[in-house]
Amino acid sequence: MTPLAELLPAFTFDEQRAQCARCRHRIEMPIKASRAENARVVLRCNVISGKRSCSLARAPDGQCGPDAKLFQAEVFQ
């Protein structure tokens, strides 16, 4: 029997997130699971309609892909 980890694509968004955070297309959406937890930020892409999560866009079969084809550096940060 094949382990599930071998069937799923490798998750690499932790390494890709820094580039997505510098992209002019990103939308930062704060989420908070509970009052005791600090707010976290989810990155979404403003260019892609439908599946707009940056992590899904950077997947091997995503519109942006691992090479960040849609990346444009933000001018002012």
N, C-alpha and C. Protein backbone atom coordinates (compact mmCIF):
# COMPACT_ATOMS: atom_id res chain seq x y z
N MET A 1 0.84 -1.18 0.00
CA MET A 1 0.00 0.00 0.00
C MET A 1 0.89 1.25 0.00
N THR A 2 0.57 2.21 -0.85
CA THR A 2 1.34 3.44 -0.98
C THR A 2 0.96 4.43 0.12
N PRO A 3 1.96 4.96 0.85
CA PRO A 3 1.65 5.96 1.88
C PRO A 3 1.06 7.22 1.25
N LEU A 4 0.18 7.87 1.98
CA LEU A 4 -0.48 9.07 1.50
C LEU A 4 0.52 10.17 1.13
N ALA A 5 1.60 10.28 1.88
CA ALA A 5 2.61 11.31 1.62
C ALA A 5 3.22 11.18 0.22
N GLU A 6 3.27 9.95 -0.31
CA GLU A 6 3.82 9.75 -1.65
C GLU A 6 2.81 10.09 -2.74
N LEU A 7 1.53 10.11 -2.42
CA LEU A 7 0.50 10.41 -3.40
C LEU A 7 0.25 11.91 -3.54
N LEU A 8 0.50 12.68 -2.48
CA LEU A 8 0.25 14.12 -2.48
C LEU A 8 1.47 14.87 -3.00
N PRO A 9 1.26 16.01 -3.68
CA PRO A 9 2.42 16.81 -4.10
C PRO A 9 3.10 17.42 -2.87
N ALA A 10 4.38 17.68 -3.00
CA ALA A 10 5.15 18.26 -1.89
C ALA A 10 4.63 19.66 -1.60
N PHE A 11 4.45 19.97 -0.32
CA PHE A 11 3.98 21.30 0.10
C PHE A 11 5.21 22.17 0.32
N THR A 12 5.35 23.21 -0.49
CA THR A 12 6.54 24.06 -0.42
C THR A 12 6.21 25.52 -0.13
N PHE A 13 4.95 25.83 0.22
CA PHE A 13 4.57 27.22 0.37
C PHE A 13 5.31 27.91 1.51
N ASP A 14 5.74 27.18 2.53
CA ASP A 14 6.50 27.81 3.61
C ASP A 14 7.73 28.52 3.05
N GLU A 15 8.39 27.91 2.07
CA GLU A 15 9.57 28.53 1.46
C GLU A 15 9.18 29.62 0.47
N GLN A 16 8.01 29.51 -0.16
CA GLN A 16 7.59 30.45 -1.19
C GLN A 16 6.89 31.69 -0.61
N ARG A 17 6.46 31.62 0.64
CA ARG A 17 5.64 32.67 1.23
C ARG A 17 6.33 34.04 1.24
N ALA A 18 7.63 34.08 1.46
CA ALA A 18 8.35 35.36 1.52
C ALA A 18 8.23 36.11 0.19
N GLN A 19 8.31 35.40 -0.92
CA GLN A 19 8.16 36.06 -2.22
C GLN A 19 6.72 36.52 -2.42
N CYS A 20 5.76 35.70 -2.03
CA CYS A 20 4.35 36.08 -2.15
C CYS A 20 4.04 37.32 -1.30
N ALA A 21 4.68 37.43 -0.15
CA ALA A 21 4.45 38.58 0.74
C ALA A 21 4.96 39.88 0.12
N ARG A 22 5.87 39.80 -0.85
CA ARG A 22 6.41 40.99 -1.52
C ARG A 22 5.69 41.31 -2.83
N CYS A 23 4.69 40.49 -3.20
CA CYS A 23 4.00 40.64 -4.48
C CYS A 23 2.93 41.73 -4.41
N ARG A 24 2.80 42.51 -5.45
CA ARG A 24 1.81 43.59 -5.48
C ARG A 24 0.39 43.05 -5.60
N HIS A 25 0.21 41.79 -5.99
CA HIS A 25 -1.13 41.22 -6.15
C HIS A 25 -1.69 40.61 -4.87
N ARG A 26 -0.91 40.54 -3.83
CA ARG A 26 -1.36 39.86 -2.62
C ARG A 26 -2.39 40.68 -1.85
N ILE A 27 -3.27 39.96 -1.21
CA ILE A 27 -4.23 40.55 -0.28
C ILE A 27 -3.99 39.84 1.04
N GLU A 28 -3.76 40.59 2.10
CA GLU A 28 -3.55 40.00 3.42
C GLU A 28 -4.88 39.96 4.16
N MET A 29 -5.29 38.78 4.55
CA MET A 29 -6.55 38.61 5.27
C MET A 29 -6.25 38.06 6.66
N PRO A 30 -6.44 38.86 7.70
CA PRO A 30 -6.20 38.35 9.05
C PRO A 30 -7.29 37.37 9.44
N ILE A 31 -6.88 36.29 10.08
CA ILE A 31 -7.83 35.32 10.61
C ILE A 31 -7.49 35.08 12.07
N LYS A 32 -8.48 34.77 12.83
CA LYS A 32 -8.27 34.51 14.25
C LYS A 32 -9.17 33.34 14.63
N ALA A 33 -8.57 32.25 15.05
CA ALA A 33 -9.33 31.05 15.37
C ALA A 33 -10.07 31.17 16.69
N SER A 34 -9.47 31.85 17.64
CA SER A 34 -10.12 32.03 18.94
C SER A 34 -9.61 33.31 19.58
N ARG A 35 -10.25 33.72 20.64
CA ARG A 35 -9.82 34.95 21.33
C ARG A 35 -8.44 34.81 21.95
N ALA A 36 -8.08 33.61 22.34
CA ALA A 36 -6.79 33.38 22.99
C ALA A 36 -5.64 33.35 21.98
N GLU A 37 -5.96 33.15 20.72
CA GLU A 37 -4.93 33.01 19.70
C GLU A 37 -4.65 34.35 19.03
N ASN A 38 -3.39 34.61 18.73
CA ASN A 38 -3.03 35.81 17.99
C ASN A 38 -3.51 35.69 16.55
N ALA A 39 -3.84 36.80 15.95
CA ALA A 39 -4.30 36.79 14.56
C ALA A 39 -3.18 36.36 13.63
N ARG A 40 -3.52 35.54 12.67
CA ARG A 40 -2.59 35.13 11.62
C ARG A 40 -3.04 35.77 10.33
N VAL A 41 -2.17 35.82 9.36
CA VAL A 41 -2.50 36.45 8.08
C VAL A 41 -2.47 35.39 6.99
N VAL A 42 -3.54 35.34 6.21
CA VAL A 42 -3.62 34.47 5.05
C VAL A 42 -3.35 35.33 3.82
N LEU A 43 -2.54 34.83 2.90
CA LEU A 43 -2.25 35.55 1.67
C LEU A 43 -3.14 35.04 0.55
N ARG A 44 -3.76 35.97 -0.15
CA ARG A 44 -4.60 35.64 -1.29
C ARG A 44 -4.12 36.43 -2.49
N CYS A 45 -4.34 35.90 -3.68
CA CYS A 45 -3.89 36.55 -4.91
C CYS A 45 -5.06 37.30 -5.54
N ASN A 46 -4.86 38.56 -5.85
CA ASN A 46 -5.89 39.40 -6.43
C ASN A 46 -6.02 39.21 -7.95
N VAL A 47 -5.09 38.49 -8.57
CA VAL A 47 -5.10 38.28 -10.01
C VAL A 47 -5.93 37.05 -10.38
N ILE A 48 -5.88 36.04 -9.56
CA ILE A 48 -6.53 34.76 -9.86
C ILE A 48 -7.96 34.76 -9.34
N SER A 49 -8.89 34.44 -10.20
CA SER A 49 -10.28 34.35 -9.75
C SER A 49 -10.58 32.91 -9.31
N GLY A 50 -11.55 32.76 -8.46
CA GLY A 50 -11.90 31.43 -7.97
C GLY A 50 -10.99 31.01 -6.83
N LYS A 51 -10.06 30.10 -7.09
CA LYS A 51 -9.10 29.65 -6.08
C LYS A 51 -8.05 30.72 -5.91
N ARG A 52 -8.20 31.55 -4.92
CA ARG A 52 -7.34 32.72 -4.80
C ARG A 52 -6.26 32.58 -3.74
N SER A 53 -6.16 31.47 -3.07
CA SER A 53 -5.14 31.28 -2.05
C SER A 53 -3.76 31.27 -2.72
N CYS A 54 -2.83 32.02 -2.16
CA CYS A 54 -1.47 32.04 -2.71
C CYS A 54 -0.83 30.66 -2.66
N SER A 55 -1.10 29.90 -1.62
CA SER A 55 -0.50 28.57 -1.52
C SER A 55 -1.01 27.66 -2.63
N LEU A 56 -2.28 27.76 -3.00
CA LEU A 56 -2.81 26.95 -4.11
C LEU A 56 -2.28 27.46 -5.44
N ALA A 57 -2.13 28.77 -5.58
CA ALA A 57 -1.61 29.34 -6.83
C ALA A 57 -0.18 28.93 -7.07
N ARG A 58 0.60 28.72 -6.00
CA ARG A 58 2.02 28.36 -6.14
C ARG A 58 2.24 26.86 -6.22
N ALA A 59 1.19 26.06 -6.15
CA ALA A 59 1.32 24.61 -6.30
C ALA A 59 1.82 24.30 -7.71
N PRO A 60 2.40 23.13 -7.92
CA PRO A 60 2.94 22.80 -9.25
C PRO A 60 1.92 22.95 -10.39
N ASP A 61 0.65 22.70 -10.13
CA ASP A 61 -0.36 22.84 -11.18
C ASP A 61 -1.14 24.15 -11.05
N GLY A 62 -0.69 25.06 -10.19
CA GLY A 62 -1.37 26.34 -9.99
C GLY A 62 -1.04 27.34 -11.08
N GLN A 63 -1.82 28.41 -11.16
CA GLN A 63 -1.62 29.41 -12.21
C GLN A 63 -0.31 30.17 -12.07
N CYS A 64 0.13 30.40 -10.85
CA CYS A 64 1.40 31.10 -10.64
C CYS A 64 2.57 30.11 -10.66
N GLY A 65 2.36 28.94 -10.08
CA GLY A 65 3.36 27.88 -10.09
C GLY A 65 4.52 28.14 -9.16
N PRO A 66 5.36 27.12 -8.97
CA PRO A 66 6.52 27.25 -8.08
C PRO A 66 7.50 28.35 -8.50
N ASP A 67 7.48 28.71 -9.80
CA ASP A 67 8.40 29.74 -10.29
C ASP A 67 7.82 31.15 -10.20
N ALA A 68 6.62 31.29 -9.63
CA ALA A 68 5.96 32.59 -9.42
C ALA A 68 5.84 33.38 -10.72
N LYS A 69 5.19 32.79 -11.72
CA LYS A 69 5.03 33.43 -13.03
C LYS A 69 4.26 34.75 -12.95
N LEU A 70 3.36 34.87 -11.99
CA LEU A 70 2.53 36.07 -11.89
C LEU A 70 3.11 37.12 -10.94
N PHE A 71 4.27 36.84 -10.35
CA PHE A 71 4.87 37.74 -9.36
C PHE A 71 5.23 39.08 -9.98
N GLN A 72 4.84 40.15 -9.31
CA GLN A 72 5.29 41.50 -9.62
C GLN A 72 5.63 42.15 -8.28
N ALA A 73 6.85 42.64 -8.17
CA ALA A 73 7.28 43.23 -6.91
C ALA A 73 6.45 44.46 -6.58
N GLU A 74 6.10 44.59 -5.31
CA GLU A 74 5.36 45.77 -4.85
C GLU A 74 6.32 46.95 -4.84
N VAL A 75 5.89 48.07 -5.35
CA VAL A 75 6.75 49.25 -5.44
C VAL A 75 6.98 49.85 -4.06
N PHE A 76 5.93 50.03 -3.29
CA PHE A 76 6.04 50.62 -1.96
C PHE A 76 5.65 49.59 -0.92
N GLN A 77 6.51 49.41 0.09
CA GLN A 77 6.19 48.47 1.16
C GLN A 77 6.27 49.17 2.48
